[in-house]
Protein backbone atom coordinates (compact mmCIF):
# COMPACT_ATOMS: atom_id res chain seq x y z
CA MET A 1 7.67 -50.02 14.41
CA GLU A 2 7.54 -46.53 12.77
CA GLN A 3 4.09 -44.88 10.63
CA THR A 4 3.86 -43.50 8.15
CA LEU A 5 0.89 -41.49 5.12
CA VAL A 6 1.16 -42.08 2.11
CA ILE A 7 -1.03 -40.67 -0.08
CA LEU A 8 -0.81 -42.16 -4.07
CA LYS A 9 -2.57 -39.18 -5.70
CA PRO A 10 -4.90 -38.50 -8.38
CA ASN A 11 -2.55 -38.52 -11.82
CA ALA A 12 -1.30 -42.54 -10.49
CA VAL A 13 -5.00 -43.58 -10.26
CA GLN A 14 -6.01 -42.30 -13.34
CA ARG A 15 -2.43 -43.57 -14.90
CA GLU A 16 -3.74 -47.35 -13.51
CA LEU A 17 -0.89 -47.62 -11.15
CA ILE A 18 -2.19 -48.10 -8.14
CA GLY A 19 -1.14 -51.65 -7.38
CA GLU A 20 1.87 -51.83 -9.03
CA LEU A 21 3.39 -48.96 -7.18
CA ILE A 22 1.70 -50.91 -3.40
CA SER A 23 4.10 -53.55 -5.07
CA LYS A 24 6.71 -52.05 -4.52
CA PHE A 25 6.59 -50.94 0.19
CA GLU A 26 5.29 -54.40 -0.38
CA ARG A 27 7.94 -56.07 -1.29
CA ARG A 28 9.77 -54.37 0.26
CA GLY A 29 7.85 -55.36 3.09
CA MET A 30 6.25 -52.49 4.04
CA LYS A 31 2.76 -52.81 5.94
CA ILE A 32 0.15 -51.28 4.98
CA THR A 33 -2.37 -50.47 8.09
CA ALA A 34 -4.83 -48.23 6.79
CA MET A 35 -6.09 -47.83 2.98
CA LYS A 36 -8.99 -46.17 1.26
CA LEU A 37 -9.79 -44.78 -1.96
CA SER A 38 -11.42 -40.79 -1.56
CA ARG A 39 -11.68 -37.61 -2.66
CA ILE A 40 -9.65 -35.46 -0.46
CA SER A 41 -12.13 -32.27 0.15
CA LEU A 42 -11.26 -29.05 0.64
CA GLU A 43 -11.05 -27.84 3.82
CA THR A 44 -8.32 -31.39 4.59
CA ALA A 45 -6.06 -29.95 1.50
CA GLU A 46 -5.82 -27.16 3.04
CA GLN A 47 -5.27 -28.21 5.63
CA HIS A 48 -2.41 -30.99 4.46
CA TYR A 49 -0.42 -28.06 2.41
CA ARG A 50 -0.48 -25.41 5.18
CA GLU A 51 2.83 -25.17 4.86
CA HIS A 52 2.31 -24.34 1.05
CA ARG A 53 0.59 -21.03 1.81
CA GLY A 54 0.99 -18.18 0.28
CA LYS A 55 3.45 -20.06 -2.42
CA GLN A 56 2.85 -18.90 -5.89
CA PHE A 57 1.99 -23.11 -6.43
CA TYR A 58 -0.22 -23.05 -3.66
CA GLU A 59 -3.67 -22.97 -6.09
CA ASP A 60 -2.36 -25.83 -7.70
CA LEU A 61 -1.44 -28.22 -5.54
CA ILE A 62 -4.85 -28.01 -3.76
CA SER A 63 -6.74 -27.44 -6.91
CA PHE A 64 -4.78 -30.92 -8.45
CA ILE A 65 -5.13 -33.25 -4.39
CA ARG A 66 -8.76 -32.52 -5.62
CA SER A 67 -8.69 -33.11 -9.46
CA GLY A 68 -10.01 -36.75 -8.50
CA PRO A 69 -10.22 -39.76 -6.13
CA SER A 70 -6.90 -40.24 -4.04
CA VAL A 71 -5.55 -43.56 -2.44
CA ILE A 72 -4.06 -42.40 0.76
CA MET A 73 -2.41 -45.16 3.62
CA ILE A 74 -0.77 -45.48 6.50
CA LEU A 75 2.38 -48.05 5.73
CA GLU A 76 4.42 -49.63 9.17
CA SER A 77 7.98 -50.51 9.03
CA LEU A 78 11.99 -50.03 10.74
CA TYR A 79 11.84 -45.89 9.98
CA ALA A 80 9.25 -45.72 7.52
CA VAL A 81 9.60 -42.55 6.31
CA ASP A 82 13.00 -42.47 5.29
CA ILE A 83 12.34 -45.55 3.93
CA VAL A 84 9.68 -44.52 2.31
CA ARG A 85 10.71 -40.86 0.82
CA SER A 86 13.77 -43.29 -0.57
CA MET A 87 11.84 -45.22 -2.21
CA VAL A 88 10.00 -42.20 -3.59
CA GLY A 89 12.16 -40.20 -4.92
CA ALA A 90 12.95 -36.71 -5.11
CA THR A 91 10.57 -34.01 -4.59
CA ASN A 92 11.40 -32.87 -8.78
CA PRO A 93 11.23 -35.94 -11.13
CA ALA A 94 13.98 -34.15 -12.93
CA GLU A 95 15.75 -34.56 -10.01
CA ALA A 96 14.77 -37.93 -9.07
CA VAL A 97 17.14 -41.25 -9.27
CA PRO A 98 15.41 -44.10 -11.25
CA GLY A 99 14.78 -46.53 -9.46
CA SER A 100 12.54 -44.05 -7.73
CA ILE A 101 9.12 -43.99 -8.62
CA ARG A 102 8.79 -40.11 -8.98
CA GLY A 103 12.95 -41.49 -11.19
CA ASP A 104 10.69 -43.71 -13.21
CA TYR A 105 6.64 -42.41 -13.17
CA ALA A 106 6.65 -39.11 -12.31
CA THR A 107 7.61 -35.83 -14.68
CA SER A 108 6.45 -32.45 -13.49
CA PRO A 109 7.46 -30.96 -9.75
CA GLY A 110 3.05 -30.28 -8.82
CA HIS A 111 2.35 -33.54 -10.89
CA ASN A 112 4.70 -35.93 -8.91
CA MET A 113 2.45 -38.68 -8.66
CA ILE A 114 2.70 -39.95 -5.22
CA HIS A 115 2.91 -37.42 -1.84
CA ALA A 116 5.54 -39.20 1.73
CA SER A 117 5.10 -37.61 5.30
CA ASP A 118 8.85 -35.43 5.37
CA SER A 119 8.97 -35.90 9.09
CA VAL A 120 7.81 -38.42 11.50
CA GLU A 121 6.38 -35.72 13.51
CA SER A 122 5.24 -34.58 9.82
CA ALA A 123 3.45 -38.53 9.35
CA LYS A 124 1.11 -37.75 13.02
CA ARG A 125 -0.16 -35.00 12.17
CA GLU A 126 -0.84 -36.09 8.59
CA ILE A 127 -1.91 -39.87 10.09
CA GLU A 128 -4.75 -37.87 12.70
CA LEU A 129 -6.07 -35.51 9.63
CA PHE A 130 -6.82 -38.12 7.32
CA PHE A 131 -8.27 -41.41 9.42
CA LYS A 132 -9.67 -42.31 13.29
CA PRO A 133 -8.49 -44.27 14.33
CA GLU A 134 -10.49 -46.80 14.84
CA GLU A 135 -9.38 -46.95 10.85
CA LEU A 136 -6.31 -48.32 11.64
CA GLN A 137 -5.47 -51.74 11.33
CA GLU A 138 -3.82 -53.30 13.87
CA TYR A 139 -1.87 -57.47 12.51
CA ARG A 140 1.16 -58.60 13.06
CA LEU A 141 3.17 -59.89 9.66
CA ALA A 142 4.00 -63.12 9.55
CA VAL A 143 6.88 -62.92 7.52
CA ARG A 144 8.05 -59.72 10.08
CA PRO A 145 10.92 -62.68 11.50
CA TRP A 146 12.29 -62.70 7.86
CA LEU A 147 12.04 -59.09 7.08
């Protein structure tokens, strides 16, 4: 099984879309192995977005992700990274297809509702940044044979 990190950003929380967005992943057959509601620290935000340091939008990105609580979770399934990225949609909501999370709910690239790891390697790094090993839950979904 593959794991990926998903962050429902502060605007998703403020718009009261947490349950609706999580249910999309659950209905797809994704297993939640860790989840928390947390305000992301400056240090963690800077580490998370380190590849964007020096870019014009970096400061806004850091400010936005810290502007309120986010829901941070680990999802697990076969091909988790690719499935979640497909469900999330293009970074720019104007390019995101209808039916994707950004295509249905977001209006600006900087405040695009949700983060999803872009590779298995990124997912591993991001999971270690946001979760301690003891926070991950191991369990078997009874419906797994039907997915």
